[in-house]
């Protein structure tokens, strides 16, 4: 786990996948993204211009391979490299030489990549290719030489090989064609995950609104409406008892409502940003009527944050901006300028191809997006499970976050189109370049107090881009929090974790790098700070309601509702 108190500014444009990459590359297979293209050619041309450097790299590698062969090489894996922890990689002479030769070749490839001196677009594309090739060729992945595989074979009398082959066949027959990170029956929605008590009080074609049961005698009068991503199911916010954001907020006296999006099918192909913006406003209407208030807080994550920010801009444009008591955006990228491989991979041609592909089906399949996620971090999300599932023939450990991640959804074709084009043009950074519900979007008109959260190790929404996004808002009180961990762990971050930490401060610096030097450091989770921030903006305490819903919003089904179960 990366700690933000170390050095979070090392790589301002770290590998990331804001929506533009996920929504374009997900319409192409992995092989298509690895095939040679113009970036390969430019890399080769640049290297051929540096023949001395090439000769030096080749000579150095050959010399080191010689020392490896005679057993005098001292090369060892990096301290954090867990692939070679088995003692056999050091104790067995053949395995040790194989490991050292691989590490030497990988190091040479990395240096040649730097020697090519590519522009940032080609560099990000080739980094993706190089990482996947180098990680895939690791000897730890080879079942014929892996000590873990042979030990499993001996321990199980060969059954591990049978189980591994069965698992491989199962995973390769359907998307995403990557090793399973969790068994499909490891958890049950509504029983072991998404268990906080509540009721669906509104059901529309696009969403269900869940009103959660208070857990304190008194509650704050101004409620909180939580808006999940549109490319995952909502229950990451209610993942499990003791780690649920919703449960924690209720325990602190906050009234909580949550949107659960419907999983769209081909017949919903015309659902676009206006459909979802209208849905957020419809949910906001219901929340205000049930709570009897003129305003409510919005907490939105990832792609849900994009839609919530656009909706807030629409409300400001029509004179209803004060309906939002506070706007919280978690791991949300509004400014996608140079956000790693995502921006590098974008082009008008790729965008239009992606749009055509989803239009023909009526939706973008979430399983294809899951594949993109996995190959962006091949060591952690592909080859680790390759070794566990296939080489060792074991079932992956039951982890609720990975179960949620595998519980994918589709995205309606029209919404896919709108988000792809916004990402391509980075439209939200230009006032009026895109509209929501008929009004031009100008994020500087959003004046509600804001609380923006980034994750220091986020490979999906880089925290630097989240900070730039916070600067687009017109909030006078604009707080930015940099949480430890990555995209999901930065959010599923309950108090009591001694390894957790965060930085916090006003959005008052021009760059993320300047901000992090002046931000206040704190230990543990950011959740208590957020509850304090909410409390200051949530009005006086009132008696907790004795029943869920209200006039015109009678309970329809117990939480987590019915839409969350749709595949």
Protein backbone atom coordinates (compact mmCIF):
# COMPACT_ATOMS: atom_id res chain seq x y z
CA UNK A 1 0.00 0.00 0.00
CA UNK A 2 1.39 3.36 -0.99
CA UNK A 3 1.48 6.00 1.68
CA UNK A 4 0.87 9.59 0.59
CA UNK A 5 3.41 10.78 3.10
CA UNK A 6 6.20 9.21 1.06
CA UNK A 7 6.34 10.76 -2.38
CA UNK A 8 3.01 11.00 -4.22
CA UNK A 9 4.35 13.33 -6.88
CA UNK A 10 6.77 10.93 -8.51
CA UNK A 11 4.69 10.34 -11.62
CA UNK A 12 2.23 13.14 -12.40
CA UNK A 13 0.82 11.31 -15.42
CA UNK A 14 0.88 7.76 -14.09
CA UNK A 15 -0.78 4.95 -15.99
CA UNK A 16 -4.51 5.49 -15.66
CA UNK A 17 -7.81 4.66 -17.27
CA UNK A 18 -10.36 7.42 -17.05
CA UNK A 19 -13.52 6.73 -18.99
CA UNK A 20 -12.07 7.59 -22.39
CA UNK A 21 -9.78 4.53 -22.42
CA UNK A 22 -12.27 2.15 -20.85
CA UNK A 23 -14.99 3.18 -23.23
CA UNK A 24 -12.89 3.00 -26.40
CA UNK A 25 -10.50 0.12 -25.79
CA UNK A 26 -13.29 -2.04 -24.36
CA UNK A 27 -14.73 -2.43 -27.86
CA UNK A 28 -11.46 -4.00 -29.08
CA UNK A 29 -9.86 -7.25 -28.02
CA UNK A 30 -6.65 -7.36 -26.03
CA UNK A 31 -4.75 -8.69 -29.04
CA UNK A 32 -5.89 -5.68 -31.07
CA UNK A 33 -4.39 -3.33 -28.51
CA UNK A 34 -1.08 -5.22 -28.61
CA UNK A 35 -0.61 -5.41 -32.39
CA UNK A 36 2.16 -3.31 -34.00
CA UNK A 37 1.15 0.20 -35.00
CA UNK A 38 2.69 3.60 -35.66
CA UNK A 39 4.06 3.84 -32.12
CA UNK A 40 6.06 0.65 -32.68
CA UNK A 41 7.52 2.03 -35.89
CA UNK A 42 8.49 5.34 -34.31
CA UNK A 43 10.10 3.48 -31.40
CA UNK A 44 12.19 1.42 -33.83
CA UNK A 45 13.23 4.49 -35.83
CA UNK A 46 14.28 6.37 -32.69
CA UNK A 47 16.36 3.44 -31.47
CA UNK A 48 18.08 2.90 -34.82
CA UNK A 49 19.25 6.52 -34.60
CA UNK A 50 21.05 5.58 -31.39
CA UNK A 51 23.18 2.69 -32.61
CA UNK A 52 25.89 3.28 -30.02
CA UNK A 53 23.32 3.07 -27.27
CA UNK A 54 21.86 -0.09 -28.79
CA UNK A 55 25.29 -1.68 -29.01
CA UNK A 56 26.04 -0.72 -25.42
CA UNK A 57 22.78 -2.21 -24.15
CA UNK A 58 23.36 -5.41 -26.09
CA UNK A 59 26.96 -5.76 -24.91
CA UNK A 60 25.99 -5.10 -21.30
CA UNK A 61 23.23 -7.70 -21.40
CA UNK A 62 25.49 -10.28 -23.03
CA UNK A 63 28.16 -9.67 -20.41
CA UNK A 64 25.64 -10.09 -17.58
CA UNK A 65 24.20 -13.25 -19.12
CA UNK A 66 27.74 -14.62 -19.07
CA UNK A 67 28.09 -13.94 -15.35
CA UNK A 68 24.70 -15.55 -14.79
CA UNK A 69 25.79 -18.68 -16.65
CA UNK A 70 28.93 -19.11 -14.51
CA UNK A 71 27.03 -18.30 -11.31
CA UNK A 72 28.77 -15.07 -10.30
CA UNK A 73 25.89 -12.66 -10.99
CA UNK A 74 24.43 -10.89 -7.98
CA UNK A 75 21.21 -9.66 -9.59
CA UNK A 76 18.19 -10.19 -7.34
CA UNK A 77 14.49 -9.30 -7.50
CA UNK A 78 13.39 -5.93 -6.20
CA UNK A 79 12.39 -5.91 -2.55
CA UNK A 80 8.68 -5.59 -3.35
CA UNK A 81 8.65 -8.22 -6.11
CA UNK A 82 6.57 -11.07 -4.68
CA UNK A 83 6.82 -13.30 -7.73
CA UNK A 84 10.11 -14.87 -6.66
CA UNK A 85 9.57 -15.32 -2.91
CA UNK A 86 9.61 -19.11 -3.07
CA UNK A 87 13.02 -20.32 -1.79
CA UNK A 88 13.49 -22.48 -4.89
CA UNK A 89 14.22 -19.38 -6.98
CA UNK A 90 17.34 -18.86 -4.88
CA UNK A 91 18.23 -22.41 -3.84
CA UNK A 92 17.89 -24.20 -7.17
CA UNK A 93 20.80 -23.21 -9.47
CA UNK A 94 18.79 -23.62 -12.68
CA UNK A 95 15.81 -21.64 -11.39
CA UNK A 96 18.07 -18.94 -10.02
CA UNK A 97 19.80 -18.50 -13.37
CA UNK A 98 16.44 -18.45 -15.17
CA UNK A 99 15.19 -15.76 -12.80
CA UNK A 100 18.33 -13.65 -13.15
CA UNK A 101 18.31 -13.90 -16.95
CA UNK A 102 14.68 -12.77 -17.03
CA UNK A 103 15.35 -9.85 -14.69
CA UNK A 104 18.37 -8.78 -16.72
CA UNK A 105 16.42 -8.90 -19.99
CA UNK A 106 13.49 -7.01 -18.44
CA UNK A 107 15.84 -4.34 -17.14
CA UNK A 108 17.42 -3.98 -20.59
CA UNK A 109 13.99 -3.66 -22.23
CA UNK A 110 13.08 -0.95 -19.73
CA UNK A 111 16.26 0.98 -20.48
CA UNK A 112 15.69 0.68 -24.23
CA UNK A 113 12.23 2.09 -23.73
CA UNK A 114 13.78 5.16 -22.08
CA UNK A 115 16.44 5.35 -24.79
CA UNK A 116 13.74 5.61 -27.49
CA UNK A 117 12.81 9.05 -26.12
CA UNK A 118 9.22 8.87 -27.34
CA UNK A 119 6.70 11.65 -27.07
CA UNK A 120 4.19 11.17 -24.28
CA UNK A 121 1.49 9.60 -26.48
CA UNK A 122 3.75 6.97 -28.02
CA UNK A 123 5.44 6.42 -24.65
CA UNK A 124 2.15 5.57 -22.94
CA UNK A 125 1.10 3.21 -25.75
CA UNK A 126 4.44 1.40 -25.79
CA UNK A 127 4.58 1.24 -22.00
CA UNK A 128 1.30 -0.65 -22.05
CA UNK A 129 2.64 -3.11 -24.65
CA UNK A 130 6.01 -3.51 -22.97
CA UNK A 131 4.56 -4.09 -19.51
CA UNK A 132 2.26 -6.82 -20.76
CA UNK A 133 4.98 -8.58 -22.77
CA UNK A 134 7.55 -8.43 -19.97
CA UNK A 135 5.11 -9.49 -17.26
CA UNK A 136 3.72 -12.29 -19.41
CA UNK A 137 7.18 -13.76 -20.05
CA UNK A 138 8.05 -14.00 -16.35
CA UNK A 139 9.24 -17.55 -15.56
CA UNK A 140 6.90 -17.61 -12.56
CA UNK A 141 4.01 -17.88 -15.01
CA UNK A 142 5.40 -20.99 -16.72
CA UNK A 143 3.75 -24.13 -15.29
CA UNK A 144 6.65 -26.28 -16.54
CA UNK A 145 9.22 -24.60 -14.31
CA UNK A 146 7.20 -22.93 -11.55
CA UNK A 147 8.18 -24.43 -8.17
CA UNK A 148 4.72 -23.51 -6.86
CA UNK A 149 3.15 -25.59 -9.62
CA UNK A 150 5.34 -28.63 -9.01
CA UNK A 151 4.77 -28.50 -5.26
CA UNK A 152 1.02 -28.31 -5.82
CA UNK A 153 1.23 -31.31 -8.19
CA UNK A 154 3.06 -33.34 -5.54
CA UNK A 155 0.75 -32.29 -2.72
CA UNK A 156 -2.44 -33.11 -4.64
CA UNK A 157 -1.30 -36.13 -6.60
CA UNK A 158 -1.79 -34.30 -9.88
CA UNK A 159 -5.27 -32.97 -9.10
CA UNK A 160 -3.98 -29.39 -9.14
CA UNK A 161 -3.18 -29.71 -12.85
CA UNK A 162 -6.68 -31.00 -13.58
CA UNK A 163 -8.27 -28.17 -11.61
CA UNK A 164 -6.02 -25.65 -13.33
CA UNK A 165 -6.97 -26.86 -16.80
CA UNK A 166 -10.68 -26.80 -15.91
CA UNK A 167 -10.36 -23.26 -14.56
CA UNK A 168 -8.48 -22.13 -17.65
CA UNK A 169 -11.12 -23.56 -19.98
CA UNK A 170 -13.96 -21.98 -17.98
CA UNK A 171 -12.35 -18.54 -17.94
CA UNK A 172 -11.37 -18.49 -21.60
CA UNK A 173 -14.83 -19.46 -22.87
CA UNK A 174 -16.43 -16.13 -21.89
CA UNK A 175 -15.50 -12.51 -21.26
CA UNK A 176 -13.49 -11.22 -19.61
CA UNK A 177 -10.94 -13.76 -20.85
CA UNK A 178 -8.71 -13.37 -17.83
CA UNK A 179 -8.19 -15.54 -14.75
CA UNK A 180 -11.09 -15.27 -12.30
CA UNK A 181 -10.23 -13.12 -9.29
CA UNK A 182 -13.06 -14.55 -7.19
CA UNK A 183 -15.50 -17.44 -7.48
CA UNK A 184 -18.93 -16.37 -8.77
CA UNK A 185 -20.68 -17.85 -5.71
CA UNK A 186 -18.26 -16.48 -3.11
CA UNK A 187 -20.80 -13.92 -1.84
CA UNK A 188 -24.53 -13.30 -2.05
CA UNK A 189 -25.88 -9.80 -2.66
CA UNK A 190 -28.25 -8.86 0.16
CA UNK A 191 -26.94 -11.59 2.47
CA UNK A 192 -23.15 -11.26 2.73
CA UNK A 193 -22.65 -8.01 0.81
CA UNK A 194 -25.02 -5.02 0.57
CA UNK A 195 -26.67 -5.86 3.89
CA UNK A 196 -27.47 -2.48 5.46
CA UNK A 197 -31.19 -2.22 6.23
CA UNK A 198 -33.29 0.04 4.06
CA UNK A 199 -36.05 0.04 1.47
CA UNK A 200 -36.60 0.98 -2.15
CA UNK A 201 -38.92 3.99 -2.05
CA UNK A 202 -38.90 4.89 -5.74
CA UNK A 203 -38.47 2.78 -8.86
CA UNK A 204 -38.16 4.26 -12.36
CA UNK A 205 -37.08 2.80 -15.68
CA UNK A 206 -33.50 3.89 -14.97
CA UNK A 207 -32.96 3.51 -11.22
CA UNK A 208 -34.18 2.53 -7.79
CA UNK A 209 -33.89 4.94 -4.87
CA UNK A 210 -33.02 3.30 -1.57
CA UNK A 211 -33.81 4.98 1.75
CA UNK A 212 -31.67 3.54 4.53
CA UNK A 213 -32.97 2.97 8.03
CA UNK A 214 -31.52 5.40 10.62
CA UNK A 215 -29.23 3.88 13.22
CA UNK A 216 -29.31 6.74 15.73
CA UNK A 217 -32.20 8.36 17.68
CA UNK A 218 -31.38 11.76 16.16
CA UNK A 219 -30.34 12.50 12.58
CA UNK A 220 -29.09 15.56 10.77
CA UNK A 221 -31.90 17.29 8.95
CA UNK A 222 -30.21 17.64 5.54
CA UNK A 223 -29.83 14.21 3.89
CA UNK A 224 -27.12 12.67 1.75
CA UNK A 225 -27.84 11.21 -1.70
CA UNK A 226 -25.16 8.79 -2.93
CA UNK A 227 -24.68 8.37 -6.69
CA UNK A 228 -22.68 5.33 -7.84
CA UNK A 229 -20.77 4.82 -11.11
CA UNK A 230 -22.77 3.84 -14.18
CA UNK A 231 -20.33 1.05 -15.05
CA UNK A 232 -20.59 -0.88 -11.78
CA UNK A 233 -23.31 -1.81 -9.31
CA UNK A 234 -23.93 0.54 -6.44
CA UNK A 235 -23.09 -1.72 -3.50
CA UNK A 236 -19.40 -0.87 -3.34
CA UNK A 237 -20.74 1.87 -1.06
CA UNK A 238 -22.32 -0.84 1.13
CA UNK A 239 -19.80 -3.59 0.59
CA UNK A 240 -19.85 -5.38 3.96
CA UNK A 241 -20.65 -4.79 7.65
CA UNK A 242 -17.83 -2.91 9.31
CA UNK A 243 -16.51 -1.62 5.98
CA UNK A 244 -19.66 -0.08 4.51
CA UNK A 245 -19.63 3.66 3.87
CA UNK A 246 -23.42 3.75 4.11
CA UNK A 247 -23.43 1.88 7.42
CA UNK A 248 -20.78 4.21 8.86
CA UNK A 249 -22.57 7.37 7.78
CA UNK A 250 -25.81 6.10 9.35
CA UNK A 251 -24.01 5.32 12.59
CA UNK A 252 -22.83 8.93 12.70
CA UNK A 253 -26.39 10.31 12.43
CA UNK A 254 -26.49 11.07 8.72
CA UNK A 255 -29.66 10.43 6.72
CA UNK A 256 -28.62 8.37 3.69
CA UNK A 257 -30.25 7.63 0.35
CA UNK A 258 -28.62 5.82 -2.57
CA UNK A 259 -29.31 5.37 -6.25
CA UNK A 260 -29.10 1.84 -7.68
CA UNK A 261 -28.85 2.05 -11.48
CA UNK A 262 -30.68 -0.39 -13.68
CA UNK A 263 -28.47 -2.66 -15.79
CA UNK A 264 -29.44 -1.48 -19.30
CA UNK A 265 -30.21 -3.82 -22.16
CA UNK A 266 -30.25 -3.29 -25.93
CA UNK A 267 -33.72 -1.73 -25.80
CA UNK A 268 -32.30 1.05 -23.61
CA UNK A 269 -29.75 2.05 -26.25
CA UNK A 270 -31.01 5.68 -26.32
CA UNK A 271 -30.29 6.41 -22.65
CA UNK A 272 -27.79 9.28 -22.69
CA UNK A 273 -26.30 11.83 -20.29
CA UNK A 274 -29.64 13.63 -20.18
CA UNK A 275 -31.37 10.42 -19.13
CA UNK A 276 -29.01 10.03 -16.20
CA UNK A 277 -28.99 13.72 -15.33
CA UNK A 278 -32.77 13.66 -15.26
CA UNK A 279 -32.65 10.56 -13.07
CA UNK A 280 -30.38 12.32 -10.54
CA UNK A 281 -32.78 15.27 -10.38
CA UNK A 282 -35.75 12.92 -9.96
CA UNK A 283 -33.95 11.19 -7.09
CA UNK A 284 -33.05 14.57 -5.58
CA UNK A 285 -36.71 15.62 -5.76
CA UNK A 286 -37.76 12.49 -3.89
CA UNK A 287 -35.03 12.82 -1.24
CA UNK A 288 -35.98 16.43 -0.50
CA UNK A 289 -39.69 15.59 -0.23
CA UNK A 290 -39.08 12.61 2.04
CA UNK A 291 -36.67 14.52 4.29
CA UNK A 292 -38.74 17.73 4.15
CA UNK A 293 -35.77 19.91 3.17
CA UNK A 294 -34.92 22.40 0.45
CA UNK A 295 -31.54 20.83 -0.26
CA UNK A 296 -29.48 17.65 -0.02
CA UNK A 297 -25.85 16.63 -0.22
CA UNK A 298 -24.60 14.69 -3.24
CA UNK A 299 -21.79 12.15 -2.97
CA UNK A 300 -20.89 10.68 -6.35
CA UNK A 301 -18.09 8.37 -7.43
CA UNK A 302 -16.14 7.91 -10.67
CA UNK A 303 -18.44 8.09 -13.71
CA UNK A 304 -21.34 8.92 -11.39
CA UNK A 305 -19.31 11.94 -10.31
CA UNK A 306 -19.09 13.18 -13.91
CA UNK A 307 -22.87 13.03 -14.25
CA UNK A 308 -23.44 14.58 -10.83
CA UNK A 309 -21.11 17.50 -11.60
CA UNK A 310 -22.87 18.10 -14.91
CA UNK A 311 -26.24 17.95 -13.16
CA UNK A 312 -25.05 20.42 -10.52
CA UNK A 313 -23.99 22.77 -13.33
CA UNK A 314 -27.44 22.42 -14.91
CA UNK A 315 -29.17 23.26 -11.62
CA UNK A 316 -26.93 26.30 -11.22
CA UNK A 317 -27.77 27.42 -14.75
CA UNK A 318 -31.52 27.33 -14.09
CA UNK A 319 -31.23 29.09 -10.74
CA UNK A 320 -31.59 26.01 -8.52
CA UNK A 321 -27.98 25.56 -7.48
CA UNK A 322 -28.87 26.00 -3.81
CA UNK A 323 -30.66 22.64 -3.88
CA UNK A 324 -27.22 21.08 -3.44
CA UNK A 325 -26.02 21.58 0.13
CA UNK A 326 -22.60 20.13 -0.70
CA UNK A 327 -21.03 18.31 -3.64
CA UNK A 328 -18.69 15.40 -2.96
CA UNK A 329 -16.79 13.86 -5.87
CA UNK A 330 -14.81 10.71 -5.16
CA UNK A 331 -12.13 9.41 -7.57
CA UNK A 332 -13.76 11.45 -10.33
CA UNK A 333 -11.90 12.82 -13.35
CA UNK A 334 -13.49 15.85 -15.00
CA UNK A 335 -10.25 17.13 -16.55
CA UNK A 336 -8.85 14.26 -18.63
CA UNK A 337 -5.91 16.14 -20.08
CA UNK A 338 -2.94 13.77 -20.45
CA UNK A 339 -4.39 11.28 -17.98
CA UNK A 340 -1.92 8.53 -18.82
CA UNK A 341 -2.50 5.78 -21.38
CA UNK A 342 -6.15 6.73 -21.64
CA UNK A 343 -5.51 10.05 -23.31
CA UNK A 344 -2.63 8.68 -25.33
CA UNK A 345 -4.83 5.97 -26.83
CA UNK A 346 -7.61 8.35 -27.77
CA UNK A 347 -8.20 9.49 -31.32
CA UNK A 348 -11.22 10.50 -33.35
CA UNK A 349 -10.91 7.29 -35.34
CA UNK A 350 -10.77 5.09 -32.24
CA UNK A 351 -13.65 6.99 -30.64
CA UNK A 352 -15.90 6.62 -33.67
CA UNK A 353 -15.06 2.93 -33.98
CA UNK A 354 -15.98 2.40 -30.33
CA UNK A 355 -19.23 4.30 -30.76
CA UNK A 356 -20.18 2.23 -33.80
CA UNK A 357 -19.45 -1.01 -31.98
CA UNK A 358 -21.67 -0.19 -28.99
CA UNK A 359 -24.40 1.24 -31.20
CA UNK A 360 -24.62 -2.02 -33.12
CA UNK A 361 -25.18 -3.98 -29.90
CA UNK A 362 -27.15 -1.31 -28.06
CA UNK A 363 -24.71 -1.25 -25.15
CA UNK A 364 -21.12 -1.63 -24.04
CA UNK A 365 -20.60 -4.85 -22.12
CA UNK A 366 -19.14 -4.39 -18.66
CA UNK A 367 -17.18 -7.61 -19.01
CA UNK A 368 -15.16 -6.00 -21.78
CA UNK A 369 -14.36 -3.09 -19.48
CA UNK A 370 -13.29 -5.54 -16.78
CA UNK A 371 -10.79 -7.00 -19.25
CA UNK A 372 -9.30 -3.55 -19.86
CA UNK A 373 -8.99 -2.98 -16.12
CA UNK A 374 -7.12 -6.25 -15.70
CA UNK A 375 -4.56 -5.76 -18.47
CA UNK A 376 -3.67 -2.29 -17.22
CA UNK A 377 -2.13 -3.94 -14.15
CA UNK A 378 -1.09 -7.37 -15.45
CA UNK A 379 1.08 -8.40 -12.51
CA UNK A 380 -1.58 -7.84 -9.88
CA UNK A 381 -4.77 -8.52 -11.84
CA UNK A 382 -3.80 -11.18 -14.39
CA UNK A 383 -0.62 -13.14 -13.73
CA UNK A 384 -1.05 -13.37 -9.98
CA UNK A 385 -4.32 -15.20 -10.56
CA UNK A 386 -2.88 -17.15 -13.48
CA UNK A 387 -0.36 -18.70 -11.08
CA UNK A 388 -2.90 -19.27 -8.31
CA UNK A 389 -5.76 -20.59 -10.44
CA UNK A 390 -4.02 -22.47 -13.25
CA UNK A 391 -0.45 -23.25 -12.18
CA UNK A 392 -1.35 -24.17 -8.60
CA UNK A 393 -4.92 -25.25 -9.36
CA UNK A 394 -6.37 -23.33 -6.42
CA UNK A 395 -9.54 -21.30 -6.07
CA UNK A 396 -8.97 -17.56 -5.61
CA UNK A 397 -9.50 -16.16 -2.13
CA UNK A 398 -12.98 -14.83 -1.38
CA UNK A 399 -12.69 -11.03 -1.38
CA UNK A 400 -15.87 -8.96 -1.45
CA UNK A 401 -14.43 -6.03 -3.43
CA UNK A 402 -13.28 -8.37 -6.20
CA UNK A 403 -16.70 -10.04 -6.17
CA UNK A 404 -18.26 -6.60 -6.69
CA UNK A 405 -15.75 -5.83 -9.44
CA UNK A 406 -16.72 -9.04 -11.27
CA UNK A 407 -20.44 -8.26 -10.92
CA UNK A 408 -20.35 -6.13 -14.05
CA UNK A 409 -23.02 -4.05 -15.78
CA UNK A 410 -23.63 -2.77 -19.28
CA UNK A 411 -23.62 0.84 -20.47
CA UNK A 412 -26.32 2.12 -22.82
CA UNK A 413 -24.97 2.97 -26.28
CA UNK A 414 -26.03 6.63 -26.21
CA UNK A 415 -24.39 7.23 -22.82
CA UNK A 416 -21.29 5.47 -24.09
CA UNK A 417 -21.23 7.80 -27.09
CA UNK A 418 -21.63 10.92 -24.97
CA UNK A 419 -18.90 9.97 -22.51
CA UNK A 420 -16.46 8.90 -25.22
CA UNK A 421 -16.85 12.21 -27.07
CA UNK A 422 -16.52 14.19 -23.84
CA UNK A 423 -13.31 12.35 -23.04
CA UNK A 424 -11.92 12.77 -26.55
CA UNK A 425 -12.47 16.53 -26.48
CA UNK A 426 -11.92 16.99 -22.73
CA UNK A 427 -15.16 18.94 -23.04
CA UNK A 428 -15.85 19.58 -19.36
CA UNK A 429 -12.85 21.89 -19.12
CA UNK A 430 -14.41 24.32 -21.62
CA UNK A 431 -17.56 26.15 -20.45
CA UNK A 432 -20.45 25.44 -22.80
CA UNK A 433 -18.66 22.73 -24.81
CA UNK A 434 -21.22 20.14 -23.67
CA UNK A 435 -24.76 20.42 -22.38
CA UNK A 436 -26.90 18.74 -19.75
CA UNK A 437 -30.70 18.78 -20.06
CA UNK A 438 -30.56 21.62 -22.56
CA UNK A 439 -28.25 23.95 -20.64
CA UNK A 440 -24.53 24.53 -21.34
CA UNK A 441 -22.29 22.98 -18.71
CA UNK A 442 -20.05 25.47 -16.91
CA UNK A 443 -18.52 23.83 -13.85
CA UNK A 444 -17.30 27.20 -12.55
CA UNK A 445 -20.96 28.04 -11.85
CA UNK A 446 -21.19 25.22 -9.30
CA UNK A 447 -20.82 27.17 -6.06
CA UNK A 448 -21.87 24.55 -3.49
CA UNK A 449 -19.15 23.67 -1.00
CA UNK A 450 -17.19 20.74 -2.40
CA UNK A 451 -15.25 17.80 -1.01
CA UNK A 452 -13.12 16.02 -3.61
CA UNK A 453 -11.30 12.74 -2.95
CA UNK A 454 -8.42 11.16 -4.84
CA UNK A 455 -6.39 8.00 -4.24
CA UNK A 456 -2.61 8.27 -4.23
CA UNK A 457 -2.17 4.88 -5.95
CA UNK A 458 -5.25 5.12 -8.16
CA UNK A 459 -4.59 3.52 -11.55
CA UNK A 460 -8.09 4.35 -12.77
CA UNK A 461 -8.50 8.03 -11.90
CA UNK A 462 -5.06 9.50 -11.16
CA UNK A 463 -5.18 11.78 -8.17
CA UNK A 464 -3.46 14.59 -10.03
CA UNK A 465 -6.33 14.61 -12.54
CA UNK A 466 -8.82 14.56 -9.65
CA UNK A 467 -7.13 17.66 -8.23
CA UNK A 468 -7.24 19.44 -11.58
CA UNK A 469 -10.91 18.50 -11.75
CA UNK A 470 -11.58 20.08 -8.34
CA UNK A 471 -10.12 23.32 -9.66
CA UNK A 472 -12.82 23.45 -12.33
CA UNK A 473 -15.53 23.91 -9.71
CA UNK A 474 -16.61 27.38 -8.62
CA UNK A 475 -16.86 26.42 -4.95
CA UNK A 476 -15.44 29.00 -2.56
CA UNK A 477 -14.99 26.28 0.06
CA UNK A 478 -13.30 23.56 -1.97
CA UNK A 479 -11.57 20.80 0.01
CA UNK A 480 -9.34 18.14 -1.54
CA UNK A 481 -8.44 14.89 0.20
CA UNK A 482 -5.66 12.58 -0.99
CA UNK A 483 -6.30 9.15 0.48
CA UNK A 484 -3.86 6.28 0.69
CA UNK A 485 -4.38 3.27 -1.59
CA UNK A 486 -5.99 3.04 -5.00
CA UNK A 487 -9.29 3.51 -6.77
CA UNK A 488 -11.50 1.37 -4.52
CA UNK A 489 -9.40 0.99 -1.36
CA UNK A 490 -9.22 4.77 -1.11
CA UNK A 491 -13.00 4.74 -0.67
CA UNK A 492 -13.58 1.47 1.21
CA UNK A 493 -11.47 2.88 3.99
CA UNK A 494 -13.10 2.49 7.42
CA UNK A 495 -11.47 3.98 10.54
CA UNK A 496 -9.09 1.81 12.48
CA UNK A 497 -6.63 0.89 9.74
CA UNK A 498 -3.14 1.74 11.06
CA UNK A 499 -1.75 1.71 7.50
CA UNK A 500 -4.24 4.27 6.18
CA UNK A 501 -3.47 7.96 5.92
CA UNK A 502 -4.47 11.01 3.95
CA UNK A 503 -3.58 14.57 3.12
CA UNK A 504 -6.12 17.34 3.22
CA UNK A 505 -6.32 20.99 2.29
CA UNK A 506 -8.12 23.65 0.32
CA UNK A 507 -7.83 23.65 -3.46
CA UNK A 508 -5.68 26.76 -3.44
CA UNK A 509 -2.62 25.78 -5.49
CA UNK A 510 -2.21 25.86 -9.26
CA UNK A 511 -0.87 22.33 -9.50
CA UNK A 512 -1.33 19.07 -7.64
CA UNK A 513 2.41 18.94 -7.01
CA UNK A 514 2.32 22.32 -5.26
CA UNK A 515 -0.78 21.38 -3.29
CA UNK A 516 0.71 18.19 -1.87
CA UNK A 517 3.66 20.10 -0.43
CA UNK A 518 1.39 22.31 1.68
CA UNK A 519 -1.47 19.93 2.54
CA UNK A 520 -1.99 18.79 6.10
CA UNK A 521 -1.08 15.18 6.85
CA UNK A 522 -3.30 12.91 8.91
CA UNK A 523 -3.40 9.25 9.91
CA UNK A 524 -6.19 6.69 9.60
CA UNK A 525 -9.27 7.14 7.44
CA UNK A 526 -10.72 10.31 5.93
CA UNK A 527 -14.26 9.16 6.82
CA UNK A 528 -14.43 10.96 10.22
CA UNK A 529 -13.23 14.20 8.61
CA UNK A 530 -15.92 13.86 5.97
CA UNK A 531 -18.62 13.26 8.57
CA UNK A 532 -17.48 16.40 10.40
CA UNK A 533 -17.58 18.32 7.11
CA UNK A 534 -21.11 17.03 6.43
CA UNK A 535 -22.26 17.85 9.96
CA UNK A 536 -21.24 21.49 9.56
CA UNK A 537 -23.46 21.71 6.47
CA UNK A 538 -26.38 19.45 7.39
CA UNK A 539 -28.47 21.62 9.66
CA UNK A 540 -29.74 20.84 13.17
CA UNK A 541 -30.45 17.37 14.48
CA UNK A 542 -34.03 16.13 14.37
CA UNK A 543 -35.78 12.99 15.54
CA UNK A 544 -35.02 10.05 13.28
CA UNK A 545 -37.99 9.04 11.11
CA UNK A 546 -39.95 6.05 12.40
CA UNK A 547 -40.69 4.76 8.91
CA UNK A 548 -38.90 4.74 5.59
CA UNK A 549 -40.18 6.70 2.63
CA UNK A 550 -43.01 9.19 2.87
CA UNK A 551 -46.23 10.32 1.19
CA UNK A 552 -46.07 9.08 -2.39
CA UNK A 553 -42.89 7.12 -1.66
CA UNK A 554 -44.04 3.99 0.11
CA UNK A 555 -41.48 1.19 0.54
CA UNK A 556 -41.56 -1.12 -2.47
CA UNK A 557 -38.92 -3.71 -1.58
CA UNK A 558 -36.22 -4.19 1.05
CA UNK A 559 -32.69 -3.02 0.32
CA UNK A 560 -30.65 -3.71 -1.75
CA UNK A 561 -33.63 -3.68 -4.10
CA UNK A 562 -34.31 -5.57 -7.32
CA UNK A 563 -32.20 -3.81 -9.97
CA UNK A 564 -28.98 -4.83 -8.25
CA UNK A 565 -29.80 -8.48 -8.97
CA UNK A 566 -30.26 -8.00 -12.71
CA UNK A 567 -27.58 -9.48 -14.94
